């Protein structure tokens, strides 16, 4: 964990009510199975952190009706936070909401989302088994690529989602998502076909479903990537 990640992790913990830590074994024993202990200010007793679903709800509450970057005044209708199993072993990350997502408030619900559902089902899972989110939570105008300042402002919330869900495998959908997560300018054609370590998970970049709608011949490469995802999930075992 680098300094920026640690700072963001501590900020998130503070928002959840953590005001201190202890190396006392008796203190830690009360939190078996928890990510950390929460000590509300002004109290003497210990409580455990919220479950992942509650923690995600707190992150969403923190985002609010976000005005942190310029996208809130460039035509976005609503925040598109994320959807799925809060304890998912598999998480998909796209770049940003599109028109359908902006209207419905959920990621990947248009034609590309329908194809993503088929991809998920092809490896023996259902959409409700996984978690789906984007690098940024607001639709850029005309579906343009997110700009650096927008990513910098919004990506901490994605990091919080990942750290809360703790997926075993993350699939980065498309060039932009892969570049944003891996901090690289390499094209997706160079990044895919490999497995990367990322925030405690295995990260696999692959083509975006929207790209596949335009280039059906690339479905074979995506299927190869998803077989790798399936194998990794089997290797890691289900929770």
C-alpha atoms as a PDB file:
ATOM      1  CA  UNK A   1       0.000   0.000   0.000  1.00  0.00           C
ATOM      2  CA  UNK A   2       1.539   3.329  -1.041  1.00  0.00           C
ATOM      3  CA  UNK A   3       1.222   6.619   0.831  1.00  0.00           C
ATOM      4  CA  UNK A   4      -1.769   7.901  -1.152  1.00  0.00           C
ATOM      5  CA  UNK A   5      -3.638   4.611  -0.674  1.00  0.00           C
ATOM      6  CA  UNK A   6      -2.862   4.632   3.060  1.00  0.00           C
ATOM      7  CA  UNK A   7      -4.072   8.220   3.386  1.00  0.00           C
ATOM      8  CA  UNK A   8      -7.321   7.376   1.600  1.00  0.00           C
ATOM      9  CA  UNK A   9      -7.780   4.230   3.695  1.00  0.00           C
ATOM     10  CA  UNK A  10      -7.345   6.195   6.941  1.00  0.00           C
ATOM     11  CA  UNK A  11      -9.719   8.920   5.754  1.00  0.00           C
ATOM     12  CA  UNK A  12     -12.366   6.306   4.992  1.00  0.00           C
ATOM     13  CA  UNK A  13     -11.810   4.634   8.377  1.00  0.00           C
ATOM     14  CA  UNK A  14     -12.225   7.972  10.128  1.00  0.00           C
ATOM     15  CA  UNK A  15     -15.524   8.549   8.316  1.00  0.00           C
ATOM     16  CA  UNK A  16     -16.729   5.196   9.634  1.00  0.00           C
ATOM     17  CA  UNK A  17     -15.894   6.248  13.184  1.00  0.00           C
ATOM     18  CA  UNK A  18     -12.429   4.802  13.783  1.00  0.00           C
ATOM     19  CA  UNK A  19     -10.546   7.054  16.172  1.00  0.00           C
ATOM     20  CA  UNK A  20      -7.677   4.756  17.102  1.00  0.00           C
ATOM     21  CA  UNK A  21      -6.105   1.346  16.897  1.00  0.00           C
ATOM     22  CA  UNK A  22      -4.503  -0.994  19.384  1.00  0.00           C
ATOM     23  CA  UNK A  23      -2.098  -3.937  19.319  1.00  0.00           C
ATOM     24  CA  UNK A  24      -3.701  -5.420  22.403  1.00  0.00           C
ATOM     25  CA  UNK A  25      -4.626  -9.060  21.491  1.00  0.00           C
ATOM     26  CA  UNK A  26      -7.760  -8.846  23.642  1.00  0.00           C
ATOM     27  CA  UNK A  27      -8.856  -5.767  21.705  1.00  0.00           C
ATOM     28  CA  UNK A  28      -8.313  -7.437  18.361  1.00  0.00           C
ATOM     29  CA  UNK A  29     -10.030 -10.658  19.458  1.00  0.00           C
ATOM     30  CA  UNK A  30     -13.322  -8.816  19.684  1.00  0.00           C
ATOM     31  CA  UNK A  31     -13.114  -8.062  15.976  1.00  0.00           C
ATOM     32  CA  UNK A  32     -12.522 -11.508  14.520  1.00  0.00           C
ATOM     33  CA  UNK A  33     -13.828 -11.420  10.968  1.00  0.00           C
ATOM     34  CA  UNK A  34     -13.955  -7.628  10.905  1.00  0.00           C
ATOM     35  CA  UNK A  35     -11.810  -5.324   8.797  1.00  0.00           C
ATOM     36  CA  UNK A  36     -11.175  -2.990  11.709  1.00  0.00           C
ATOM     37  CA  UNK A  37     -12.605  -1.929  15.051  1.00  0.00           C
ATOM     38  CA  UNK A  38     -14.759   1.148  15.406  1.00  0.00           C
ATOM     39  CA  UNK A  39     -14.460   3.216  18.562  1.00  0.00           C
ATOM     40  CA  UNK A  40     -17.078   5.966  18.481  1.00  0.00           C
ATOM     41  CA  UNK A  41     -15.791   9.222  19.920  1.00  0.00           C
ATOM     42  CA  UNK A  42     -16.781   9.735  23.532  1.00  0.00           C
ATOM     43  CA  UNK A  43     -17.427   6.049  24.295  1.00  0.00           C
ATOM     44  CA  UNK A  44     -15.402   3.467  26.175  1.00  0.00           C
ATOM     45  CA  UNK A  45     -16.662   0.304  24.517  1.00  0.00           C
ATOM     46  CA  UNK A  46     -15.632  -1.266  21.218  1.00  0.00           C
ATOM     47  CA  UNK A  47     -17.825  -1.952  18.240  1.00  0.00           C
ATOM     48  CA  UNK A  48     -17.082  -3.707  14.976  1.00  0.00           C
ATOM     49  CA  UNK A  49     -17.138  -2.147  11.539  1.00  0.00           C
ATOM     50  CA  UNK A  50     -20.346  -2.288   9.503  1.00  0.00           C
ATOM     51  CA  UNK A  51     -20.833  -5.221   7.171  1.00  0.00           C
ATOM     52  CA  UNK A  52     -19.802  -4.602   3.539  1.00  0.00           C
ATOM     53  CA  UNK A  53     -23.316  -3.641   2.441  1.00  0.00           C
ATOM     54  CA  UNK A  54     -23.556  -1.035   5.199  1.00  0.00           C
ATOM     55  CA  UNK A  55     -20.039   0.203   4.507  1.00  0.00           C
ATOM     56  CA  UNK A  56     -20.903   0.666   0.836  1.00  0.00           C
ATOM     57  CA  UNK A  57     -24.007   2.577   1.853  1.00  0.00           C
ATOM     58  CA  UNK A  58     -21.816   4.890   3.938  1.00  0.00           C
ATOM     59  CA  UNK A  59     -19.546   5.506   0.946  1.00  0.00           C
ATOM     60  CA  UNK A  60     -22.589   6.339  -1.173  1.00  0.00           C
ATOM     61  CA  UNK A  61     -23.827   8.705   1.514  1.00  0.00           C
ATOM     62  CA  UNK A  62     -20.432  10.396   1.552  1.00  0.00           C
ATOM     63  CA  UNK A  63     -20.635  10.984  -2.205  1.00  0.00           C
ATOM     64  CA  UNK A  64     -24.048  12.598  -1.813  1.00  0.00           C
ATOM     65  CA  UNK A  65     -25.309  14.705  -4.726  1.00  0.00           C
ATOM     66  CA  UNK A  66     -21.698  15.219  -5.697  1.00  0.00           C
ATOM     67  CA  UNK A  67     -20.410  18.609  -6.865  1.00  0.00           C
ATOM     68  CA  UNK A  68     -16.711  17.847  -6.412  1.00  0.00           C
ATOM     69  CA  UNK A  69     -15.858  18.072 -10.117  1.00  0.00           C
ATOM     70  CA  UNK A  70     -17.299  19.880 -13.129  1.00  0.00           C
ATOM     71  CA  UNK A  71     -19.423  16.941 -14.335  1.00  0.00           C
ATOM     72  CA  UNK A  72     -22.284  17.898 -12.014  1.00  0.00           C
ATOM     73  CA  UNK A  73     -22.885  20.994 -14.165  1.00  0.00           C
ATOM     74  CA  UNK A  74     -22.270  19.331 -17.533  1.00  0.00           C
ATOM     75  CA  UNK A  75     -25.539  17.462 -17.855  1.00  0.00           C
ATOM     76  CA  UNK A  76     -25.292  14.436 -15.593  1.00  0.00           C
ATOM     77  CA  UNK A  77     -28.647  13.347 -14.177  1.00  0.00           C
ATOM     78  CA  UNK A  78     -27.577  11.268 -11.200  1.00  0.00           C
ATOM     79  CA  UNK A  79     -24.734   9.455  -9.464  1.00  0.00           C
ATOM     80  CA  UNK A  80     -24.149   5.912 -10.736  1.00  0.00           C
ATOM     81  CA  UNK A  81     -22.518   4.285  -7.737  1.00  0.00           C
ATOM     82  CA  UNK A  82     -22.346   0.529  -8.252  1.00  0.00           C
ATOM     83  CA  UNK A  83     -24.504  -2.570  -8.071  1.00  0.00           C
ATOM     84  CA  UNK A  84     -24.241  -6.212  -7.087  1.00  0.00           C
ATOM     85  CA  UNK A  85     -23.028  -8.464  -4.316  1.00  0.00           C
ATOM     86  CA  UNK A  86     -21.204  -6.448  -1.626  1.00  0.00           C
ATOM     87  CA  UNK A  87     -19.141  -9.532  -0.802  1.00  0.00           C
ATOM     88  CA  UNK A  88     -18.457 -10.550  -4.393  1.00  0.00           C
ATOM     89  CA  UNK A  89     -15.375 -12.553  -5.316  1.00  0.00           C
ATOM     90  CA  UNK A  90     -15.489 -10.966  -8.786  1.00  0.00           C
ATOM     91  CA  UNK A  91     -15.728  -7.243  -9.535  1.00  0.00           C
ATOM     92  CA  UNK A  92     -16.006  -5.514 -12.909  1.00  0.00           C
ATOM     93  CA  UNK A  93     -14.790  -1.936 -13.374  1.00  0.00           C
ATOM     94  CA  UNK A  94     -15.722   0.162 -16.393  1.00  0.00           C
ATOM     95  CA  UNK A  95     -14.802   3.735 -17.181  1.00  0.00           C
ATOM     96  CA  UNK A  96     -17.971   5.831 -16.716  1.00  0.00           C
ATOM     97  CA  UNK A  97     -21.763   5.729 -17.008  1.00  0.00           C
ATOM     98  CA  UNK A  98     -23.402   6.145 -20.388  1.00  0.00           C
ATOM     99  CA  UNK A  99     -26.824   7.520 -21.274  1.00  0.00           C
ATOM    100  CA  UNK A 100     -28.822   4.494 -20.121  1.00  0.00           C
ATOM    101  CA  UNK A 101     -26.845   4.267 -16.898  1.00  0.00           C
ATOM    102  CA  UNK A 102     -27.318   7.976 -16.231  1.00  0.00           C
ATOM    103  CA  UNK A 103     -31.061   7.564 -16.675  1.00  0.00           C
ATOM    104  CA  UNK A 104     -31.431   4.423 -14.542  1.00  0.00           C
ATOM    105  CA  UNK A 105     -28.743   5.060 -11.926  1.00  0.00           C
ATOM    106  CA  UNK A 106     -27.074   1.666 -12.392  1.00  0.00           C
ATOM    107  CA  UNK A 107     -23.900   0.707 -14.279  1.00  0.00           C
ATOM    108  CA  UNK A 108     -23.961  -1.374 -17.455  1.00  0.00           C
ATOM    109  CA  UNK A 109     -27.699  -1.502 -18.193  1.00  0.00           C
ATOM    110  CA  UNK A 110     -27.628  -0.643 -21.897  1.00  0.00           C
ATOM    111  CA  UNK A 111     -26.613  -2.860 -24.822  1.00  0.00           C
ATOM    112  CA  UNK A 112     -23.073  -3.159 -23.503  1.00  0.00           C
ATOM    113  CA  UNK A 113     -24.511  -4.122 -20.118  1.00  0.00           C
ATOM    114  CA  UNK A 114     -26.642  -6.840 -21.671  1.00  0.00           C
ATOM    115  CA  UNK A 115     -23.530  -8.268 -23.305  1.00  0.00           C
ATOM    116  CA  UNK A 116     -21.668  -8.063 -19.997  1.00  0.00           C
ATOM    117  CA  UNK A 117     -24.448 -10.087 -18.382  1.00  0.00           C
ATOM    118  CA  UNK A 118     -23.973 -12.791 -21.038  1.00  0.00           C
ATOM    119  CA  UNK A 119     -20.220 -12.766 -20.412  1.00  0.00           C
ATOM    120  CA  UNK A 120     -20.812 -13.239 -16.680  1.00  0.00           C
ATOM    121  CA  UNK A 121     -23.221 -16.073 -17.298  1.00  0.00           C
ATOM    122  CA  UNK A 122     -20.737 -17.745 -19.679  1.00  0.00           C
ATOM    123  CA  UNK A 123     -18.430 -18.462 -16.717  1.00  0.00           C
ATOM    124  CA  UNK A 124     -21.211 -19.925 -14.612  1.00  0.00           C
ATOM    125  CA  UNK A 125     -22.158 -16.859 -12.563  1.00  0.00           C
ATOM    126  CA  UNK A 126     -25.141 -14.536 -12.402  1.00  0.00           C
ATOM    127  CA  UNK A 127     -25.062 -10.772 -12.488  1.00  0.00           C
ATOM    128  CA  UNK A 128     -26.164 -10.641  -8.844  1.00  0.00           C
ATOM    129  CA  UNK A 129     -23.124 -12.739  -7.874  1.00  0.00           C
ATOM    130  CA  UNK A 130     -20.641 -10.045  -8.913  1.00  0.00           C
ATOM    131  CA  UNK A 131     -20.169  -6.341  -8.238  1.00  0.00           C
ATOM    132  CA  UNK A 132     -20.088  -3.776 -11.052  1.00  0.00           C
ATOM    133  CA  UNK A 133     -18.809  -0.207 -10.825  1.00  0.00           C
ATOM    134  CA  UNK A 134     -17.040   2.483 -12.836  1.00  0.00           C
ATOM    135  CA  UNK A 135     -13.924   4.576 -12.350  1.00  0.00           C
ATOM    136  CA  UNK A 136     -16.069   7.707 -12.220  1.00  0.00           C
ATOM    137  CA  UNK A 137     -19.671   7.940 -11.067  1.00  0.00           C
ATOM    138  CA  UNK A 138     -21.087  10.607 -13.413  1.00  0.00           C
ATOM    139  CA  UNK A 139     -21.698  10.516 -17.146  1.00  0.00           C
ATOM    140  CA  UNK A 140     -19.285  12.719 -19.115  1.00  0.00           C
ATOM    141  CA  UNK A 141     -21.019  14.819 -21.801  1.00  0.00           C
ATOM    142  CA  UNK A 142     -21.502  12.956 -25.091  1.00  0.00           C
ATOM    143  CA  UNK A 143     -19.892   9.909 -23.432  1.00  0.00           C
ATOM    144  CA  UNK A 144     -16.417  11.389 -23.876  1.00  0.00           C
ATOM    145  CA  UNK A 145     -13.521   9.877 -21.954  1.00  0.00           C
ATOM    146  CA  UNK A 146     -13.189  11.077 -18.363  1.00  0.00           C
ATOM    147  CA  UNK A 147     -10.619  13.827 -17.937  1.00  0.00           C
ATOM    148  CA  UNK A 148      -7.679  13.555 -15.509  1.00  0.00           C
ATOM    149  CA  UNK A 149      -9.115  15.955 -12.934  1.00  0.00           C
ATOM    150  CA  UNK A 150     -12.417  14.057 -12.938  1.00  0.00           C
ATOM    151  CA  UNK A 151     -10.636  10.749 -12.368  1.00  0.00           C
ATOM    152  CA  UNK A 152      -8.460  12.192  -9.618  1.00  0.00           C
ATOM    153  CA  UNK A 153     -11.531  13.509  -7.824  1.00  0.00           C
ATOM    154  CA  UNK A 154     -13.671  10.384  -8.164  1.00  0.00           C
ATOM    155  CA  UNK A 155     -11.314   7.406  -8.039  1.00  0.00           C
ATOM    156  CA  UNK A 156     -10.936   7.424  -4.217  1.00  0.00           C
ATOM    157  CA  UNK A 157     -14.558   6.272  -4.022  1.00  0.00           C
ATOM    158  CA  UNK A 158     -13.772   3.348  -6.325  1.00  0.00           C
ATOM    159  CA  UNK A 159     -10.792   2.464  -4.123  1.00  0.00           C
ATOM    160  CA  UNK A 160     -13.110   2.482  -1.111  1.00  0.00           C
ATOM    161  CA  UNK A 161     -15.524   0.187  -2.928  1.00  0.00           C
ATOM    162  CA  UNK A 162     -12.712  -2.238  -3.764  1.00  0.00           C
ATOM    163  CA  UNK A 163     -11.308  -2.171  -0.239  1.00  0.00           C
ATOM    164  CA  UNK A 164     -14.764  -2.777   1.228  1.00  0.00           C
ATOM    165  CA  UNK A 165     -15.794  -5.596  -1.108  1.00  0.00           C
ATOM    166  CA  UNK A 166     -12.333  -7.198  -1.167  1.00  0.00           C
ATOM    167  CA  UNK A 167     -12.884  -9.093  -4.423  1.00  0.00           C
ATOM    168  CA  UNK A 168     -10.514 -11.878  -5.346  1.00  0.00           C
ATOM    169  CA  UNK A 169     -10.539 -10.918  -9.030  1.00  0.00           C
ATOM    170  CA  UNK A 170     -11.128  -7.550 -10.713  1.00  0.00           C
ATOM    171  CA  UNK A 171     -11.836  -7.278 -14.432  1.00  0.00           C
ATOM    172  CA  UNK A 172     -10.931  -3.898 -15.924  1.00  0.00           C
ATOM    173  CA  UNK A 173     -13.237  -3.328 -18.880  1.00  0.00           C
ATOM    174  CA  UNK A 174     -11.568  -1.418 -21.666  1.00  0.00           C
ATOM    175  CA  UNK A 175      -8.541   0.753 -22.236  1.00  0.00           C
ATOM    176  CA  UNK A 176      -9.572   3.608 -19.989  1.00  0.00           C
ATOM    177  CA  UNK A 177     -10.412   1.529 -16.915  1.00  0.00           C
ATOM    178  CA  UNK A 178      -7.238  -0.529 -17.278  1.00  0.00           C
ATOM    179  CA  UNK A 179      -5.081   2.561 -17.707  1.00  0.00           C
ATOM    180  CA  UNK A 180      -6.681   4.320 -14.749  1.00  0.00           C
ATOM    181  CA  UNK A 181      -6.246   1.368 -12.401  1.00  0.00           C
ATOM    182  CA  UNK A 182      -2.773   0.338 -13.537  1.00  0.00           C
ATOM    183  CA  UNK A 183      -1.434   3.883 -13.986  1.00  0.00           C
ATOM    184  CA  UNK A 184      -0.204   3.238 -17.498  1.00  0.00           C
ATOM    185  CA  UNK A 185      -0.676   4.603 -21.005  1.00  0.00           C
ATOM    186  CA  UNK A 186      -0.391   1.197 -22.661  1.00  0.00           C
ATOM    187  CA  UNK A 187      -3.305   0.215 -24.912  1.00  0.00           C
ATOM    188  CA  UNK A 188      -5.663  -2.556 -23.855  1.00  0.00           C
ATOM    189  CA  UNK A 189      -4.264  -4.761 -26.623  1.00  0.00           C
ATOM    190  CA  UNK A 190      -0.942  -4.749 -24.800  1.00  0.00           C
ATOM    191  CA  UNK A 191      -2.366  -4.991 -21.275  1.00  0.00           C
ATOM    192  CA  UNK A 192      -4.782  -7.874 -21.763  1.00  0.00           C
ATOM    193  CA  UNK A 193      -3.662 -11.478 -21.561  1.00  0.00           C
ATOM    194  CA  UNK A 194      -1.819 -10.837 -18.294  1.00  0.00           C
ATOM    195  CA  UNK A 195      -2.689 -10.944 -14.596  1.00  0.00           C
ATOM    196  CA  UNK A 196      -1.737  -8.065 -12.298  1.00  0.00           C
ATOM    197  CA  UNK A 197      -1.697  -7.777  -8.517  1.00  0.00           C
ATOM    198  CA  UNK A 198      -3.960  -4.922  -7.452  1.00  0.00           C
ATOM    199  CA  UNK A 199      -5.123  -3.903  -3.961  1.00  0.00           C
ATOM    200  CA  UNK A 200      -5.142  -7.490  -2.726  1.00  0.00           C
ATOM    201  CA  UNK A 201      -6.871  -8.867  -5.832  1.00  0.00           C
ATOM    202  CA  UNK A 202      -5.867 -10.257  -9.200  1.00  0.00           C
ATOM    203  CA  UNK A 203      -6.643  -7.774 -11.961  1.00  0.00           C
ATOM    204  CA  UNK A 204      -7.369  -8.876 -15.528  1.00  0.00           C
ATOM    205  CA  UNK A 205      -7.820  -6.247 -18.257  1.00  0.00           C
ATOM    206  CA  UNK A 206     -10.042  -7.096 -21.207  1.00  0.00           C
ATOM    207  CA  UNK A 207     -11.985  -5.378 -23.970  1.00  0.00           C
ATOM    208  CA  UNK A 208     -15.031  -3.299 -23.054  1.00  0.00           C
ATOM    209  CA  UNK A 209     -18.392  -4.822 -24.040  1.00  0.00           C
ATOM    210  CA  UNK A 210     -19.146  -1.705 -26.082  1.00  0.00           C
ATOM    211  CA  UNK A 211     -16.005  -2.401 -28.115  1.00  0.00           C
ATOM    212  CA  UNK A 212     -17.193  -5.959 -28.694  1.00  0.00           C
ATOM    213  CA  UNK A 213     -20.476  -4.666 -30.097  1.00  0.00           C
ATOM    214  CA  UNK A 214     -18.454  -2.834 -32.736  1.00  0.00           C
ATOM    215  CA  UNK A 215     -15.808  -5.541 -33.141  1.00  0.00           C
ATOM    216  CA  UNK A 216     -17.421  -8.968 -32.626  1.00  0.00           C
ATOM    217  CA  UNK A 217     -14.242 -10.717 -33.796  1.00  0.00           C
ATOM    218  CA  UNK A 218     -12.584  -9.774 -30.479  1.00  0.00           C
ATOM    219  CA  UNK A 219     -15.043 -11.889 -28.472  1.00  0.00           C
ATOM    220  CA  UNK A 220     -12.595 -14.797 -28.686  1.00  0.00           C
ATOM    221  CA  UNK A 221      -9.935 -12.817 -26.801  1.00  0.00           C
ATOM    222  CA  UNK A 222     -12.465 -11.819 -24.153  1.00  0.00           C
ATOM    223  CA  UNK A 223     -13.503 -15.446 -23.750  1.00  0.00           C
ATOM    224  CA  UNK A 224      -9.848 -16.355 -23.196  1.00  0.00           C
ATOM    225  CA  UNK A 225      -9.627 -13.635 -20.537  1.00  0.00           C
ATOM    226  CA  UNK A 226     -12.811 -14.808 -18.844  1.00  0.00           C
ATOM    227  CA  UNK A 227     -11.598 -18.402 -18.749  1.00  0.00           C
ATOM    228  CA  UNK A 228      -8.573 -17.065 -16.898  1.00  0.00           C
ATOM    229  CA  UNK A 229     -10.945 -15.273 -14.507  1.00  0.00           C
ATOM    230  CA  UNK A 230     -12.887 -18.499 -13.945  1.00  0.00           C
ATOM    231  CA  UNK A 231      -9.685 -20.429 -13.268  1.00  0.00           C
ATOM    232  CA  UNK A 232      -8.475 -17.827 -10.780  1.00  0.00           C
ATOM    233  CA  UNK A 233     -11.776 -17.907  -8.913  1.00  0.00           C
ATOM    234  CA  UNK A 234     -11.574 -21.683  -8.675  1.00  0.00           C
ATOM    235  CA  UNK A 235      -7.965 -21.468  -7.507  1.00  0.00           C
ATOM    236  CA  UNK A 236      -8.771 -18.905  -4.841  1.00  0.00           C
ATOM    237  CA  UNK A 237     -11.913 -20.753  -3.745  1.00  0.00           C
ATOM    238  CA  UNK A 238     -15.228 -19.187  -2.808  1.00  0.00           C
ATOM    239  CA  UNK A 239     -15.757 -17.439   0.496  1.00  0.00           C
END
